[in-house]
Protein backbone atom coordinates (compact mmCIF):
# COMPACT_ATOMS: atom_id res chain seq x y z
CA MET A 1 57.24 -118.14 38.25
CA LEU A 2 60.63 -119.82 37.85
CA LYS A 3 62.28 -119.24 34.47
CA VAL A 4 64.24 -122.28 33.26
CA PHE A 5 66.91 -122.33 30.56
CA ILE A 6 67.64 -125.68 28.90
CA SER A 7 71.15 -126.33 27.61
CA GLN A 8 71.23 -129.34 25.30
CA PRO A 9 73.61 -130.52 22.59
CA MET A 10 72.06 -129.81 19.18
CA ASN A 11 74.88 -130.32 16.70
CA GLY A 12 74.06 -133.05 14.19
CA LYS A 13 70.44 -133.43 15.37
CA THR A 14 67.31 -132.72 13.39
CA GLY A 15 64.76 -130.17 14.56
CA LYS A 16 62.41 -133.03 15.37
CA GLU A 17 65.03 -134.76 17.55
CA ILE A 18 65.79 -131.52 19.37
CA LYS A 19 62.12 -130.83 20.08
CA GLU A 20 61.46 -134.40 21.25
CA GLU A 21 64.46 -134.25 23.58
CA ARG A 22 63.24 -130.91 24.97
CA LEU A 23 59.88 -132.48 25.83
CA ARG A 24 61.67 -135.28 27.74
CA ILE A 25 63.83 -132.69 29.51
CA ILE A 26 60.79 -130.64 30.54
CA SER A 27 59.26 -133.78 32.03
CA LYS A 28 62.47 -134.38 34.03
CA ILE A 29 62.51 -130.77 35.21
CA SER A 30 58.95 -131.09 36.49
CA GLU A 31 60.09 -134.07 38.60
CA LYS A 32 62.90 -132.02 40.18
CA VAL A 33 61.28 -128.60 40.57
CA SER A 34 58.38 -128.19 42.97
CA GLU A 35 57.27 -124.71 41.92
CA PRO A 36 55.61 -123.58 38.69
CA PHE A 37 58.09 -122.84 35.91
CA GLU A 38 58.26 -121.66 32.35
CA VAL A 39 60.88 -122.79 29.87
CA ILE A 40 62.79 -120.09 28.05
CA ASP A 41 62.57 -120.83 24.33
CA SER A 42 66.23 -121.08 23.35
CA TYR A 43 65.81 -123.28 20.28
CA PHE A 44 66.06 -120.92 17.31
CA GLU A 45 64.06 -122.90 14.81
CA SER A 46 63.49 -119.92 12.53
CA SER A 47 67.05 -118.59 12.44
CA PRO A 48 68.20 -117.62 8.96
CA HIS A 49 69.87 -120.33 6.86
CA GLY A 50 73.63 -120.23 7.31
CA THR A 51 73.50 -118.59 10.73
CA LYS A 52 76.84 -119.05 12.44
CA PRO A 53 76.95 -121.08 15.67
CA LEU A 54 78.60 -118.21 17.56
CA TRP A 55 75.66 -115.92 16.76
CA LEU A 56 73.26 -118.58 18.10
CA LEU A 57 75.39 -118.97 21.23
CA GLY A 58 75.30 -115.21 21.80
CA LYS A 59 71.50 -115.25 21.62
CA SER A 60 71.43 -118.23 24.00
CA ILE A 61 73.59 -116.42 26.54
CA GLU A 62 71.30 -113.40 26.29
CA LEU A 63 68.35 -115.65 27.17
CA LEU A 64 70.33 -117.43 29.89
CA SER A 65 70.78 -114.06 31.58
CA THR A 66 67.03 -114.02 32.30
CA ALA A 67 66.96 -117.51 33.85
CA ASP A 68 66.50 -118.49 37.48
CA LEU A 69 67.60 -122.06 36.75
CA ALA A 70 69.71 -123.66 34.03
CA TYR A 71 69.24 -127.35 33.22
CA PHE A 72 72.12 -129.11 31.47
CA SER A 73 71.03 -132.24 29.61
CA LYS A 74 72.97 -135.42 28.95
CA GLY A 75 76.06 -134.83 26.82
CA TRP A 76 76.37 -131.13 27.67
CA GLU A 77 79.99 -131.58 28.74
CA ASN A 78 80.94 -132.66 25.19
CA ALA A 79 79.29 -129.70 23.44
CA ARG A 80 81.30 -126.47 23.32
CA GLY A 81 78.22 -124.22 23.37
CA CYS A 82 76.80 -126.02 26.40
CA ASN A 83 80.18 -125.73 28.13
CA ILE A 84 80.20 -121.98 27.58
CA GLU A 85 76.62 -121.72 28.83
CA TYR A 86 77.63 -123.70 31.93
CA ILE A 87 80.56 -121.38 32.63
CA CYS A 88 78.24 -118.38 32.28
CA ALA A 89 75.57 -119.88 34.54
CA VAL A 90 78.05 -120.76 37.29
CA SER A 91 79.96 -117.49 36.99
CA TYR A 92 76.78 -115.44 37.28
CA LEU A 93 75.30 -117.56 40.09
CA ILE A 94 72.39 -119.04 38.16
CA GLU A 95 71.22 -122.20 39.89
CA THR A 96 72.05 -125.31 37.80
CA ILE A 97 70.84 -128.86 37.45
CA ILE A 98 73.23 -131.23 35.72
CA THR A 99 72.13 -134.60 34.36
CA GLU A 100 74.30 -137.64 34.24
């Protein structure tokens, strides 16, 4: 089964907005990918209060390392974490899908 990592801007969004966007993204992925896939859960809803963004990014990169495919959602190019995830995915030859 294909393991898919979703990179999406989260700064300034509520948990509800993030989850709703993820559902839309998963629907788009299913239109583009013909084989069965599972989404890697990279939204850290239960992270401790005050967790620093760099810690979250480190955990995301750890999860990205297990992916077969990385999907970059709209606005990724304007989010520093998504940019770093993109550089990692490309540098380590993880297949990518970029939305416009």
